[in-house]
Amino acid sequence: MSKVNDFVVRFANVNGTGSASANGMFAKAIFRMGIPVTPKNIFPSNIQGLPTWYEVRISEKGYLGRREGIDLMVSVNPQSMLKDVQSVSSGGYFMYDSTKPLHKEYIREDITYLGIPLMGICMEQYTDPRQRQLFKNIIYVGALSALLDIEFGVLEQLLAEQFKGKEKLIPANVQALQLGVNYVKENFSYPLDIRVERRDLVGNRIMFDGNGACGLGAVYAGATVAAWYPITPSTSVVEKFEKYAKKFRTDKETGEKNYAIVQAEDELAAIGMVIGANWNGARSFTATSGPGVSLMNEFLGLGYFAEIPAVLIDVQRTGPSTGMPTRTQQSDITISAYASHGDTKHVLLFPSNPKECFELTADAFDLAERLQTPIIVLTDLDLGMNDHMSEPFVWNPERKYDRGKVYTAADLEEIGRFGRYLDTDGDGIPYRTYPGTHPTKGSYFTRGTSRDEYAVYTEDSTAYVRNMQRLEKKWDTAKDLVPKPHFYQEKNMSPLGVIFFGTSTYSSEEAIDLLREQDVVLDAMQLKAFPFNKDVEQFIEDHEVIFVIEQNRDAQMRSLLINELEVNPKKLIRILNYDGMPITADKIVKEISKNLVTN
């Protein structure tokens, strides 16, 4: 049966051999043909030598979540070949380097083998060992272009863009593509029964990674200071911030940079610098992953209690401890929501795609200063390090930064005694000042110890309780300021509901469609922030059963909903995935169906 624009290709390579560029070109070519595509880079945590995979889903229906089953495996790594053969779906294809004979243990009767002597061709064509390795990748992309009916001209255009300014490299790469095409034409019937056809299903959407979107969002939000300590998978957030800051925050005439990037000695120092910069009036942020959040807990508690703005972008990975640094999870929810000892609560934002990464990062800076507290943006490795098809980013040039409640020198002249922690408006949010605002008024001592409304140290219990109650009131105010959840229906249609967030969104949307085909109707809500507002509470109240989809072992979002909203735990059914790979619609459908039969 022919599959047009609906299949999965997986590449099996050796890490550090230049395959990522070739595989990315394959995905981009299909995208340029107007077909929705979702690439996933599955790589090891070492620098070079271990197996790496690159998975590309092509979906005419526009489903962007990962799908189970491999229709075509491109295997050029002997280390993983047996596993790769076994992973191909029955009826699928296995492309391999046939320079040497295939061992009999790799033979299956239910799949089709496509042997191409990649290394043999390279040995004939090239003398330099590095060229042989790099062009082998380009040759198999050329072969795929013939087998899958990918337009050769699109690949040529991508090469021209990739080597702009290095045009002398283009002919050799085009030749390598042609070598793959020629071999297929001379040895196989083509195209295969899985193939692509040009469509107009992409529109004005772009391919972008979440980390880059966060970095760009920080620039547009007015961030001028980034302090960080490198850690996978968050490192490129600050790298992309630096790239865009160089472009947008450098004076064209003088060359003066209107930004500062500090690589700290560790994550604790990084968040300390961020808090100090924000206290001084700058917009500052850091980026890290789970182990970094663990180290930052002490300063996050200071930011909460001393009420200092800060933005933290947590690109989650598989934990605990070092865990699997290059695999994805949504497992930092609990530690982020209640970071630090004592009674602390932190605002969390949950982007699900690059556009939301851009928007919610920008919103985080406004919320941090409005609420005078750390804001944590929770993405993950899948969103952060992979390219995703996304709506274009939009910025309103009329938008003004929300700096929150800040007294000016004139304000200080008019008021009586300045009370840094006075709740003058009844919303739990006090007024603050920037250092040096007034020569004699508006100064205060910032401390992590207990104090009264005037920032004066005290161990008086009633003053402490008043302060904690005001912080609780501020938390209630935050519920109306954070992004609202997204509902997929104007009015509820079912006693069954489903809640999801972040990168679980794509597969959850597809699972809802698949279940509808089985006459199972689900009302759906995508969470975008914590604290939860009344809409979240009402959605849960309106349904008999709620499935909570998340990518961690302990159902952390479900626990957060139960703890904060005092929901009957029996009402919230956990749908979990925590193997380090992005959750699939197949898994969600299977688990929900099993629960419906059981109950």
Protein backbone atom coordinates (compact mmCIF):
# COMPACT_ATOMS: atom_id res chain seq x y z
CA MET A 1 0.00 0.00 0.00
CA SER A 2 1.44 3.37 -1.03
CA LYS A 3 2.20 5.93 1.68
CA VAL A 4 2.39 9.46 0.37
CA ASN A 5 3.57 12.13 2.83
CA ASP A 6 2.87 9.87 5.81
CA PHE A 7 5.85 7.89 7.07
CA VAL A 8 8.85 7.92 9.42
CA VAL A 9 12.51 7.79 8.40
CA ARG A 10 15.23 7.12 10.95
CA PHE A 11 18.95 7.60 10.34
CA ALA A 12 21.44 5.55 12.37
CA ASN A 13 24.86 7.19 12.44
CA VAL A 14 28.04 7.46 14.51
CA ASN A 15 28.22 10.59 16.67
CA GLY A 16 30.73 13.15 15.45
CA THR A 17 30.82 12.08 11.78
CA GLY A 18 29.06 15.11 10.32
CA SER A 19 25.78 13.28 9.76
CA ALA A 20 23.64 15.89 11.57
CA SER A 21 24.08 18.41 8.75
CA ALA A 22 23.12 15.92 6.04
CA ASN A 23 20.14 14.58 7.99
CA GLY A 24 18.96 18.12 8.71
CA MET A 25 19.15 18.91 5.00
CA PHE A 26 16.89 15.91 4.31
CA ALA A 27 14.25 17.20 6.76
CA LYS A 28 14.46 20.76 5.47
CA ALA A 29 14.05 19.61 1.86
CA ILE A 30 10.72 17.98 2.68
CA PHE A 31 9.66 21.08 4.60
CA ARG A 32 10.57 23.22 1.57
CA MET A 33 8.28 21.03 -0.51
CA GLY A 34 5.38 22.28 1.61
CA ILE A 35 4.98 19.11 3.68
CA PRO A 36 4.76 19.18 7.51
CA VAL A 37 7.79 17.51 9.05
CA THR A 38 9.10 16.81 12.55
CA PRO A 39 12.81 15.96 13.07
CA LYS A 40 14.23 14.52 16.30
CA ASN A 41 17.95 14.30 17.01
CA ILE A 42 18.64 11.38 19.36
CA PHE A 43 22.27 11.71 20.37
CA PRO A 44 24.59 10.36 23.10
CA SER A 45 26.17 12.44 25.85
CA ASN A 46 29.74 11.80 24.71
CA ILE A 47 31.53 13.93 22.13
CA GLN A 48 32.24 11.29 19.50
CA GLY A 49 31.98 7.61 18.69
CA LEU A 50 28.70 6.33 20.14
CA PRO A 51 25.53 5.63 18.13
CA THR A 52 23.28 8.54 17.26
CA TRP A 53 19.91 8.59 15.53
CA TYR A 54 17.94 11.21 13.65
CA GLU A 55 14.25 10.58 13.21
CA VAL A 56 12.04 12.42 10.73
CA ARG A 57 8.27 12.17 10.71
CA ILE A 58 6.48 13.29 7.55
CA SER A 59 2.78 13.96 8.10
CA GLU A 60 0.41 15.40 5.52
CA LYS A 61 -2.19 15.77 8.28
CA GLY A 62 0.19 18.08 10.13
CA TYR A 63 0.75 15.92 13.20
CA LEU A 64 3.99 17.11 14.79
CA GLY A 65 4.45 14.66 17.65
CA ARG A 66 6.76 11.66 17.47
CA ARG A 67 5.17 8.52 16.03
CA GLU A 68 5.96 4.91 16.86
CA GLY A 69 7.20 2.64 14.08
CA ILE A 70 9.98 3.12 11.51
CA ASP A 71 9.04 2.87 7.82
CA LEU A 72 12.54 3.44 6.45
CA MET A 73 15.78 2.92 8.36
CA VAL A 74 18.97 4.39 6.96
CA SER A 75 21.64 2.41 8.82
CA VAL A 76 25.28 3.43 8.42
CA ASN A 77 26.48 2.45 11.90
CA PRO A 78 27.58 -1.19 12.41
CA GLN A 79 27.42 -0.76 16.21
CA SER A 80 23.64 -0.34 16.23
CA MET A 81 22.73 -2.27 13.08
CA LEU A 82 21.08 -5.25 14.77
CA LYS A 83 18.90 -2.96 16.90
CA ASP A 84 18.16 -0.85 13.83
CA VAL A 85 17.00 -3.84 11.78
CA GLN A 86 14.72 -4.97 14.58
CA SER A 87 13.13 -1.52 14.89
CA VAL A 88 11.82 -1.39 11.30
CA SER A 89 8.07 -1.90 11.00
CA SER A 90 6.92 -4.97 9.09
CA GLY A 91 6.69 -4.07 5.41
CA GLY A 92 9.25 -1.32 5.83
CA TYR A 93 12.64 -0.65 4.27
CA PHE A 94 16.22 -1.03 5.52
CA MET A 95 18.87 0.99 3.68
CA TYR A 96 22.44 0.04 4.56
CA ASP A 97 26.04 0.32 3.39
CA SER A 98 26.50 -2.80 1.28
CA THR A 99 30.25 -2.34 0.75
CA LYS A 100 30.55 -5.46 2.93
CA PRO A 101 28.03 -8.34 2.94
CA LEU A 102 25.21 -8.17 5.47
CA HIS A 103 25.45 -10.73 8.28
CA LYS A 104 22.69 -13.34 8.25
CA GLU A 105 21.48 -12.37 11.72
CA TYR A 106 20.39 -9.04 10.21
CA ILE A 107 18.05 -10.66 7.69
CA ARG A 108 14.27 -10.43 8.12
CA GLU A 109 11.73 -11.81 5.69
CA ASP A 110 9.14 -9.07 6.26
CA ILE A 111 11.17 -6.00 5.25
CA THR A 112 12.86 -4.85 2.03
CA TYR A 113 16.63 -4.30 1.94
CA LEU A 114 18.20 -1.43 -0.01
CA GLY A 115 21.95 -2.03 -0.20
CA ILE A 116 24.08 0.88 -1.41
CA PRO A 117 27.90 0.57 -1.26
CA LEU A 118 28.39 3.98 0.32
CA MET A 119 31.96 3.47 1.46
CA GLY A 120 32.86 1.72 -1.77
CA ILE A 121 31.63 4.69 -3.79
CA CYS A 122 33.57 7.06 -1.54
CA MET A 123 36.75 5.01 -1.84
CA GLU A 124 36.51 5.29 -5.62
CA GLN A 125 35.71 8.99 -5.69
CA TYR A 126 37.75 10.54 -2.84
CA THR A 127 41.28 10.15 -1.47
CA ASP A 128 40.98 12.23 1.71
CA PRO A 129 39.62 10.16 4.68
CA ARG A 130 37.61 13.07 6.07
CA GLN A 131 36.01 13.72 2.68
CA ARG A 132 35.09 10.05 2.42
CA GLN A 133 33.29 10.25 5.77
CA LEU A 134 31.47 13.51 5.10
CA PHE A 135 30.43 12.81 1.52
CA LYS A 136 29.11 9.38 2.48
CA ASN A 137 26.34 11.24 4.32
CA ILE A 138 25.56 13.41 1.30
CA ILE A 139 25.50 10.37 -1.01
CA TYR A 140 22.78 8.64 1.01
CA VAL A 141 20.72 11.86 0.99
CA GLY A 142 21.02 11.84 -2.80
CA ALA A 143 19.90 8.22 -2.90
CA LEU A 144 16.90 9.07 -0.72
CA SER A 145 15.96 11.92 -3.02
CA ALA A 146 15.48 9.41 -5.83
CA LEU A 147 13.85 6.72 -3.71
CA LEU A 148 11.39 9.10 -2.05
CA ASP A 149 10.88 11.51 -4.98
CA ILE A 150 12.40 14.52 -3.20
CA GLU A 151 12.96 17.38 -5.64
CA PHE A 152 16.68 17.56 -6.44
CA GLY A 153 16.50 21.30 -7.04
CA VAL A 154 15.38 21.85 -3.43
CA LEU A 155 18.51 20.06 -2.19
CA GLU A 156 20.67 22.17 -4.48
CA GLN A 157 19.09 25.33 -3.08
CA LEU A 158 19.74 24.19 0.49
CA LEU A 159 23.39 23.55 -0.32
CA ALA A 160 23.66 27.01 -1.86
CA GLU A 161 22.29 28.53 1.34
CA GLN A 162 24.47 26.40 3.60
CA PHE A 163 27.68 27.29 1.77
CA LYS A 164 26.91 30.94 1.08
CA GLY A 165 30.27 32.68 1.07
CA LYS A 166 32.00 29.32 0.48
CA GLU A 167 30.63 28.70 -3.00
CA LYS A 168 33.61 26.59 -4.07
CA LEU A 169 32.32 23.80 -1.79
CA ILE A 170 28.94 23.57 -3.55
CA PRO A 171 29.89 21.60 -6.73
CA ALA A 172 31.50 18.76 -4.75
CA ASN A 173 28.42 18.39 -2.56
CA VAL A 174 26.07 18.44 -5.55
CA GLN A 175 28.26 15.78 -7.16
CA ALA A 176 27.96 13.62 -4.03
CA LEU A 177 24.17 13.96 -4.14
CA GLN A 178 24.22 12.96 -7.81
CA LEU A 179 26.31 9.86 -7.04
CA GLY A 180 23.53 8.65 -4.74
CA VAL A 181 20.84 9.46 -7.32
CA ASN A 182 22.73 7.65 -10.07
CA TYR A 183 23.22 4.50 -8.02
CA VAL A 184 19.50 4.27 -7.26
CA LYS A 185 18.55 4.84 -10.90
CA GLU A 186 20.93 2.12 -12.04
CA ASN A 187 20.04 -0.48 -9.41
CA PHE A 188 16.50 -0.03 -8.05
CA SER A 189 12.94 0.59 -9.12
CA TYR A 190 12.09 4.04 -7.89
CA PRO A 191 10.39 5.83 -6.25
CA LEU A 192 9.38 3.51 -3.41
CA ASP A 193 5.78 3.05 -2.33
CA ILE A 194 6.59 5.48 0.47
CA ARG A 195 7.33 8.83 -1.07
CA VAL A 196 6.69 12.55 -0.92
CA GLU A 197 4.62 14.81 -3.14
CA ARG A 198 4.82 18.59 -3.15
CA ARG A 199 2.04 20.23 -1.17
CA ASP A 200 1.14 23.69 0.11
CA LEU A 201 0.55 22.72 3.75
CA VAL A 202 3.28 24.72 5.45
CA GLY A 203 2.17 28.27 4.65
CA ASN A 204 4.33 30.90 6.34
CA ARG A 205 5.50 28.62 9.13
CA ILE A 206 9.18 28.37 9.99
CA MET A 207 11.57 25.73 11.34
CA PHE A 208 13.09 26.87 14.64
CA ASP A 209 14.48 25.40 17.85
CA GLY A 210 13.10 26.22 21.29
CA ASN A 211 16.43 27.30 22.77
CA GLY A 212 16.94 29.82 19.97
CA ALA A 213 13.39 31.09 20.44
CA CYS A 214 14.02 31.60 24.18
CA GLY A 215 17.26 33.46 23.46
CA LEU A 216 15.55 35.70 20.93
CA GLY A 217 12.61 36.25 23.30
CA ALA A 218 15.03 37.42 25.99
CA VAL A 219 16.54 39.98 23.61
CA TYR A 220 13.13 41.34 22.65
CA ALA A 221 12.14 41.40 26.32
CA GLY A 222 14.97 43.84 27.02
CA ALA A 223 17.35 41.48 28.81
CA THR A 224 20.84 42.94 29.03
CA VAL A 225 22.56 40.53 31.43
CA ALA A 226 22.89 36.75 31.14
CA ALA A 227 24.85 34.78 33.72
CA TRP A 228 25.15 31.05 33.19
CA TYR A 229 27.08 27.85 33.61
CA PRO A 230 27.01 25.54 30.55
CA ILE A 231 24.93 22.38 30.88
CA THR A 232 23.20 20.15 28.33
CA PRO A 233 20.61 20.76 26.98
CA SER A 234 20.35 24.46 27.89
CA THR A 235 23.74 25.76 26.71
CA SER A 236 22.51 27.08 23.37
CA VAL A 237 19.91 29.34 25.04
CA VAL A 238 22.63 31.77 26.09
CA GLU A 239 24.65 31.11 22.93
CA LYS A 240 21.63 32.15 20.85
CA PHE A 241 21.01 35.12 23.15
CA GLU A 242 24.58 36.24 22.48
CA LYS A 243 24.11 35.78 18.73
CA TYR A 244 20.97 37.92 18.64
CA ALA A 245 22.29 40.44 21.17
CA LYS A 246 25.32 41.04 18.94
CA LYS A 247 22.92 41.87 16.13
CA PHE A 248 20.33 43.92 18.00
CA ARG A 249 22.16 45.25 21.07
CA THR A 250 25.41 46.54 19.54
CA ASP A 251 25.71 50.22 18.63
CA LYS A 252 26.38 50.29 14.89
CA GLU A 253 28.44 53.48 15.09
CA THR A 254 30.57 52.88 18.18
CA GLY A 255 30.49 49.09 18.35
CA GLU A 256 29.57 49.36 22.04
CA LYS A 257 27.70 46.34 23.34
CA ASN A 258 24.57 47.00 25.36
CA TYR A 259 24.63 43.61 27.04
CA ALA A 260 26.81 41.49 29.29
CA ILE A 261 27.27 37.72 29.36
CA VAL A 262 29.06 36.14 32.29
CA GLN A 263 30.07 32.49 32.44
CA ALA A 264 29.96 31.78 36.16
CA GLU A 265 31.94 29.19 38.10
CA ASP A 266 28.78 27.17 38.80
CA GLU A 267 24.99 27.37 38.65
CA LEU A 268 24.63 28.81 42.15
CA ALA A 269 26.91 31.70 41.25
CA ALA A 270 25.02 32.22 37.99
CA ILE A 271 21.61 32.68 39.64
CA GLY A 272 23.24 34.88 42.30
CA MET A 273 24.57 37.20 39.59
CA VAL A 274 21.14 37.25 37.93
CA ILE A 275 19.43 38.23 41.17
CA GLY A 276 22.04 40.94 41.79
CA ALA A 277 21.65 42.38 38.30
CA ASN A 278 17.85 42.44 38.57
CA TRP A 279 18.05 44.05 42.02
CA ASN A 280 20.15 46.77 40.42
CA GLY A 281 17.51 47.44 37.74
CA ALA A 282 18.72 45.35 34.80
CA ARG A 283 16.68 42.64 33.16
CA SER A 284 18.73 39.51 33.68
CA PHE A 285 18.29 35.76 33.25
CA THR A 286 20.02 32.41 33.31
CA ALA A 287 19.44 29.04 31.65
CA THR A 288 20.08 25.59 33.07
CA SER A 289 18.71 22.08 33.40
CA GLY A 290 17.61 19.90 36.33
CA PRO A 291 20.96 19.57 38.13
CA GLY A 292 21.37 23.34 37.92
CA VAL A 293 17.92 23.93 39.39
CA SER A 294 18.93 21.74 42.32
CA LEU A 295 21.97 23.93 42.95
CA MET A 296 20.01 27.17 42.48
CA ASN A 297 17.41 26.37 45.13
CA GLU A 298 19.02 28.49 47.84
CA PHE A 299 19.10 31.66 45.74
CA LEU A 300 15.61 31.01 44.33
CA GLY A 301 14.36 31.05 47.91
CA LEU A 302 16.15 34.36 48.47
CA GLY A 303 14.56 35.80 45.33
CA TYR A 304 11.13 34.72 46.52
CA PHE A 305 11.48 35.98 50.10
CA ALA A 306 13.43 39.18 49.37
CA GLU A 307 11.15 39.75 46.35
CA ILE A 308 13.68 40.27 43.61
CA PRO A 309 12.80 39.68 39.93
CA ALA A 310 14.68 36.96 38.04
CA VAL A 311 14.09 34.76 35.00
CA LEU A 312 15.28 31.15 34.84
CA ILE A 313 14.91 29.02 31.71
CA ASP A 314 15.02 25.34 32.66
CA VAL A 315 15.51 23.05 29.66
CA GLN A 316 14.57 19.77 31.32
CA ARG A 317 16.38 16.51 30.77
CA THR A 318 16.14 12.98 32.16
CA GLY A 319 16.98 12.76 35.86
CA PRO A 320 17.55 12.25 38.71
CA SER A 321 21.21 13.09 39.37
CA THR A 322 23.15 13.12 36.08
CA GLY A 323 20.50 10.81 34.60
CA MET A 324 20.53 10.72 30.80
CA PRO A 325 21.79 14.20 29.88
CA THR A 326 20.75 13.95 26.22
CA ARG A 327 17.24 12.57 26.69
CA THR A 328 14.06 14.50 27.36
CA GLN A 329 11.62 14.62 30.28
CA GLN A 330 9.17 16.89 32.10
CA SER A 331 10.52 16.01 35.52
CA ASP A 332 11.52 19.34 37.12
CA ILE A 333 7.96 20.44 37.90
CA THR A 334 7.93 19.78 41.63
CA ILE A 335 11.44 21.07 42.36
CA SER A 336 10.73 24.22 40.34
CA ALA A 337 7.30 24.94 41.81
CA TYR A 338 8.54 24.70 45.41
CA ALA A 339 12.24 25.47 44.96
CA SER A 340 14.08 26.15 48.24
CA HIS A 341 13.27 25.28 51.83
CA GLY A 342 10.37 26.75 53.78
CA ASP A 343 7.08 27.89 52.26
CA THR A 344 7.98 28.97 48.74
CA LYS A 345 6.03 28.91 45.50
CA HIS A 346 7.34 29.92 42.09
CA VAL A 347 5.55 30.96 38.93
CA LEU A 348 6.10 28.43 36.13
CA LEU A 349 5.47 28.88 32.40
CA PHE A 350 5.07 25.90 30.03
CA PRO A 351 5.76 26.63 26.34
CA SER A 352 4.87 23.86 23.89
CA ASN A 353 6.45 25.14 20.65
CA PRO A 354 9.07 27.68 19.52
CA LYS A 355 6.53 30.49 19.15
CA GLU A 356 5.44 30.00 22.75
CA CYS A 357 9.10 29.83 23.82
CA PHE A 358 9.59 33.27 22.28
CA GLU A 359 6.39 34.72 23.72
CA LEU A 360 6.52 33.20 27.20
CA THR A 361 10.19 34.09 27.66
CA ALA A 362 9.32 37.72 26.91
CA ASP A 363 6.29 37.49 29.22
CA ALA A 364 8.49 36.03 31.97
CA PHE A 365 10.47 39.27 32.27
CA ASP A 366 7.29 41.33 32.61
CA LEU A 367 5.86 38.91 35.18
CA ALA A 368 9.12 38.83 37.14
CA GLU A 369 9.10 42.61 37.57
CA ARG A 370 5.34 42.90 38.06
CA LEU A 371 5.38 40.23 40.77
CA GLN A 372 8.93 40.92 42.02
CA THR A 373 9.80 37.24 42.08
CA PRO A 374 11.71 34.59 40.10
CA ILE A 375 9.85 33.22 37.08
CA ILE A 376 10.83 29.78 35.75
CA VAL A 377 10.22 28.89 32.09
CA LEU A 378 10.07 25.10 31.78
CA THR A 379 10.97 23.74 28.36
CA ASP A 380 12.75 20.43 27.70
CA LEU A 381 15.44 18.89 25.52
CA ASP A 382 12.99 17.87 22.79
CA LEU A 383 11.65 21.40 22.42
CA GLY A 384 14.94 23.14 23.12
CA MET A 385 17.40 21.30 20.89
CA ASN A 386 15.25 20.09 17.98
CA ASP A 387 13.89 22.12 15.09
CA HIS A 388 10.11 22.38 15.12
CA MET A 389 7.63 23.66 12.59
CA SER A 390 6.25 26.85 14.12
CA GLU A 391 4.08 29.84 13.40
CA PRO A 392 6.24 32.95 12.81
CA PHE A 393 7.18 35.01 15.85
CA VAL A 394 5.31 38.29 16.19
CA TRP A 395 6.35 41.32 18.25
CA ASN A 396 4.17 44.37 18.74
CA PRO A 397 6.43 47.43 18.30
CA GLU A 398 4.04 49.37 20.54
CA ARG A 399 4.54 46.97 23.43
CA LYS A 400 5.93 48.58 26.59
CA TYR A 401 7.90 46.68 29.17
CA ASP A 402 6.04 46.16 32.45
CA ARG A 403 8.60 47.19 35.07
CA GLY A 404 6.08 46.74 37.85
CA LYS A 405 5.70 48.95 40.90
CA VAL A 406 8.79 51.18 41.04
CA TYR A 407 8.96 54.48 42.89
CA THR A 408 10.67 57.38 41.14
CA ALA A 409 12.52 60.18 42.93
CA ALA A 410 9.39 62.34 42.57
CA ASP A 411 7.25 59.59 44.11
CA LEU A 412 9.58 59.36 47.07
CA GLU A 413 9.33 63.10 47.64
CA GLU A 414 5.55 62.88 47.84
CA ILE A 415 5.15 59.89 50.15
CA GLY A 416 6.07 59.76 53.79
CA ARG A 417 8.23 56.93 55.03
CA PHE A 418 9.12 54.39 52.35
CA GLY A 419 8.00 50.88 53.24
CA ARG A 420 9.63 48.36 50.94
CA TYR A 421 7.23 45.59 51.96
CA LEU A 422 4.08 47.61 52.54
CA ASP A 423 0.99 46.35 50.71
CA THR A 424 -0.43 49.75 49.79
CA ASP A 425 -2.69 48.52 46.96
CA GLY A 426 -4.14 45.38 48.55
CA ASP A 427 -2.75 42.98 45.93
CA GLY A 428 0.20 41.74 47.97
CA ILE A 429 2.74 43.47 45.71
CA PRO A 430 4.80 46.23 47.38
CA TYR A 431 6.65 49.09 45.70
CA ARG A 432 10.41 48.94 45.19
CA THR A 433 13.14 51.38 44.18
CA TYR A 434 16.23 51.09 42.04
CA PRO A 435 19.55 51.81 43.78
CA GLY A 436 20.45 55.50 43.51
CA THR A 437 16.92 56.68 42.70
CA HIS A 438 17.05 59.40 45.39
CA PRO A 439 20.03 60.79 47.33
CA THR A 440 18.38 60.35 50.75
CA LYS A 441 15.10 58.42 50.32
CA GLY A 442 14.04 55.01 49.11
CA SER A 443 17.01 53.01 50.32
CA TYR A 444 16.50 49.76 52.21
CA PHE A 445 18.45 46.71 53.29
CA THR A 446 17.75 43.60 51.20
CA ARG A 447 17.92 40.51 53.34
CA GLY A 448 16.90 36.88 53.42
CA THR A 449 16.09 37.13 57.11
CA SER A 450 12.72 38.09 58.55
CA ARG A 451 11.86 41.81 58.51
CA ASP A 452 8.93 44.13 58.90
CA GLU A 453 7.13 46.23 56.28
CA TYR A 454 9.99 48.76 56.32
CA ALA A 455 12.70 46.15 55.65
CA VAL A 456 13.90 46.40 59.25
CA TYR A 457 15.21 43.14 60.69
CA THR A 458 12.89 41.55 63.21
CA GLU A 459 12.16 38.20 64.76
CA ASP A 460 8.71 39.28 65.84
CA SER A 461 6.32 36.45 65.01
CA THR A 462 3.39 38.66 64.08
CA ALA A 463 5.53 40.64 61.60
CA TYR A 464 6.73 37.38 60.05
CA VAL A 465 3.17 36.06 59.71
CA ARG A 466 2.00 39.33 58.14
CA ASN A 467 4.77 39.08 55.58
CA MET A 468 4.02 35.45 54.71
CA GLN A 469 0.32 36.20 54.38
CA ARG A 470 1.07 39.11 52.08
CA LEU A 471 3.23 36.81 49.91
CA GLU A 472 0.27 34.41 49.80
CA LYS A 473 -1.96 37.28 48.66
CA LYS A 474 0.57 38.11 45.96
CA TRP A 475 0.38 34.49 44.84
CA ASP A 476 -3.39 34.85 44.44
CA THR A 477 -2.80 38.00 42.39
CA ALA A 478 -0.43 36.05 40.15
CA LYS A 479 -3.25 33.68 39.19
CA ASP A 480 -4.88 36.47 37.19
CA LEU A 481 -1.60 37.65 35.63
CA VAL A 482 -0.11 34.42 34.27
CA PRO A 483 -1.09 33.09 30.81
CA LYS A 484 -4.48 31.38 30.83
CA PRO A 485 -4.92 27.75 29.74
CA HIS A 486 -5.97 26.95 26.20
CA PHE A 487 -9.23 25.05 25.67
CA TYR A 488 -9.93 23.00 22.55
CA GLN A 489 -13.71 23.33 22.77
CA GLU A 490 -16.04 26.29 23.26
CA LYS A 491 -18.20 24.24 25.60
CA ASN A 492 -17.69 20.88 27.22
CA MET A 493 -18.94 17.88 25.24
CA SER A 494 -17.88 14.94 27.38
CA PRO A 495 -17.63 13.75 31.00
CA LEU A 496 -14.02 12.86 30.13
CA GLY A 497 -11.29 15.46 30.07
CA VAL A 498 -7.59 15.53 29.31
CA ILE A 499 -4.90 17.91 30.57
CA PHE A 500 -1.47 18.30 29.00
CA PHE A 501 1.31 20.87 28.72
CA GLY A 502 4.65 21.59 27.07
CA THR A 503 5.92 19.07 24.53
CA SER A 504 3.20 16.57 25.42
CA THR A 505 0.86 18.86 23.47
CA TYR A 506 1.56 17.69 19.91
CA SER A 507 1.02 13.99 20.64
CA SER A 508 -1.95 14.72 22.89
CA GLU A 509 -3.67 16.62 20.08
CA GLU A 510 -3.14 13.69 17.73
CA ALA A 511 -4.32 11.19 20.36
CA ILE A 512 -7.56 13.15 20.79
CA ASP A 513 -8.21 12.80 17.04
CA LEU A 514 -7.39 9.08 17.06
CA LEU A 515 -9.68 8.44 20.03
CA ARG A 516 -12.48 10.41 18.38
CA GLU A 517 -12.26 7.96 15.47
CA GLN A 518 -13.02 5.27 18.07
CA ASP A 519 -16.01 7.31 19.34
CA VAL A 520 -14.16 8.37 22.47
CA VAL A 521 -14.68 12.13 22.94
CA LEU A 522 -12.37 14.08 25.22
CA ASP A 523 -12.55 17.71 26.29
CA ALA A 524 -9.01 19.10 26.31
CA MET A 525 -7.06 21.78 28.15
CA GLN A 526 -3.45 22.81 27.60
CA LEU A 527 -1.86 24.26 30.73
CA LYS A 528 0.41 27.22 30.14
CA ALA A 529 1.25 28.36 33.66
CA PHE A 530 1.34 27.73 37.39
CA PRO A 531 -0.31 28.99 39.62
CA PHE A 532 -3.56 27.55 38.31
CA ASN A 533 -6.39 30.00 37.83
CA LYS A 534 -10.13 29.46 38.26
CA ASP A 535 -10.48 28.17 34.69
CA VAL A 536 -8.29 25.17 35.53
CA GLU A 537 -10.24 24.47 38.69
CA GLN A 538 -13.55 24.73 36.83
CA PHE A 539 -12.43 22.39 34.05
CA ILE A 540 -11.56 19.70 36.58
CA GLU A 541 -14.80 20.24 38.49
CA ASP A 542 -16.85 19.91 35.30
CA HIS A 543 -15.56 16.45 34.38
CA GLU A 544 -15.98 13.05 35.99
CA VAL A 545 -12.55 11.79 34.94
CA ILE A 546 -9.46 13.74 33.88
CA PHE A 547 -6.44 12.17 32.18
CA VAL A 548 -3.24 14.06 32.99
CA ILE A 549 -0.55 13.49 30.36
CA GLU A 550 3.05 14.15 31.33
CA GLN A 551 6.59 12.89 30.80
CA ASN A 552 7.88 11.82 34.20
CA ARG A 553 7.54 8.80 36.47
CA ASP A 554 5.88 10.36 39.50
CA ALA A 555 3.00 12.25 37.84
CA GLN A 556 4.35 15.56 39.12
CA MET A 557 1.79 17.79 37.39
CA ARG A 558 -1.03 15.60 38.67
CA SER A 559 0.39 15.94 42.19
CA LEU A 560 0.63 19.71 41.78
CA LEU A 561 -3.03 19.89 40.72
CA ILE A 562 -4.09 17.75 43.68
CA ASN A 563 -2.00 19.71 46.17
CA GLU A 564 -2.96 23.19 44.98
CA LEU A 565 -6.61 22.65 44.07
CA GLU A 566 -7.43 19.95 46.65
CA VAL A 567 -8.80 17.68 43.95
CA ASN A 568 -9.94 14.14 44.68
CA PRO A 569 -6.90 12.09 43.54
CA LYS A 570 -9.15 9.35 42.12
CA LYS A 571 -10.48 11.83 39.58
CA LEU A 572 -7.08 12.46 37.98
CA ILE A 573 -5.72 9.52 35.98
CA ARG A 574 -2.01 9.54 35.21
CA ILE A 575 -0.81 8.96 31.63
CA LEU A 576 2.97 8.83 31.84
CA ASN A 577 6.05 8.46 29.68
CA TYR A 578 9.56 8.67 31.12
CA ASP A 579 11.89 6.62 28.90
CA GLY A 580 13.69 9.75 27.68
CA MET A 581 12.03 9.73 24.27
CA PRO A 582 9.20 12.14 23.39
CA ILE A 583 5.77 10.73 24.18
CA THR A 584 3.75 9.41 21.23
CA ALA A 585 0.06 9.54 20.39
CA ASP A 586 0.10 5.73 20.16
CA LYS A 587 1.18 5.50 23.80
CA ILE A 588 -1.47 7.98 24.94
CA VAL A 589 -4.27 6.21 23.05
CA LYS A 590 -3.21 2.83 24.42
CA GLU A 591 -3.07 4.02 28.03
CA ILE A 592 -6.36 5.95 27.91
CA SER A 593 -8.13 3.03 26.20
CA LYS A 594 -6.80 0.63 28.83
CA ASN A 595 -8.08 2.87 31.62
CA LEU A 596 -11.51 3.21 30.03
CA VAL A 597 -11.84 -0.58 29.78
CA THR A 598 -10.65 -1.07 33.37
CA ASN A 599 -13.02 1.56 34.76
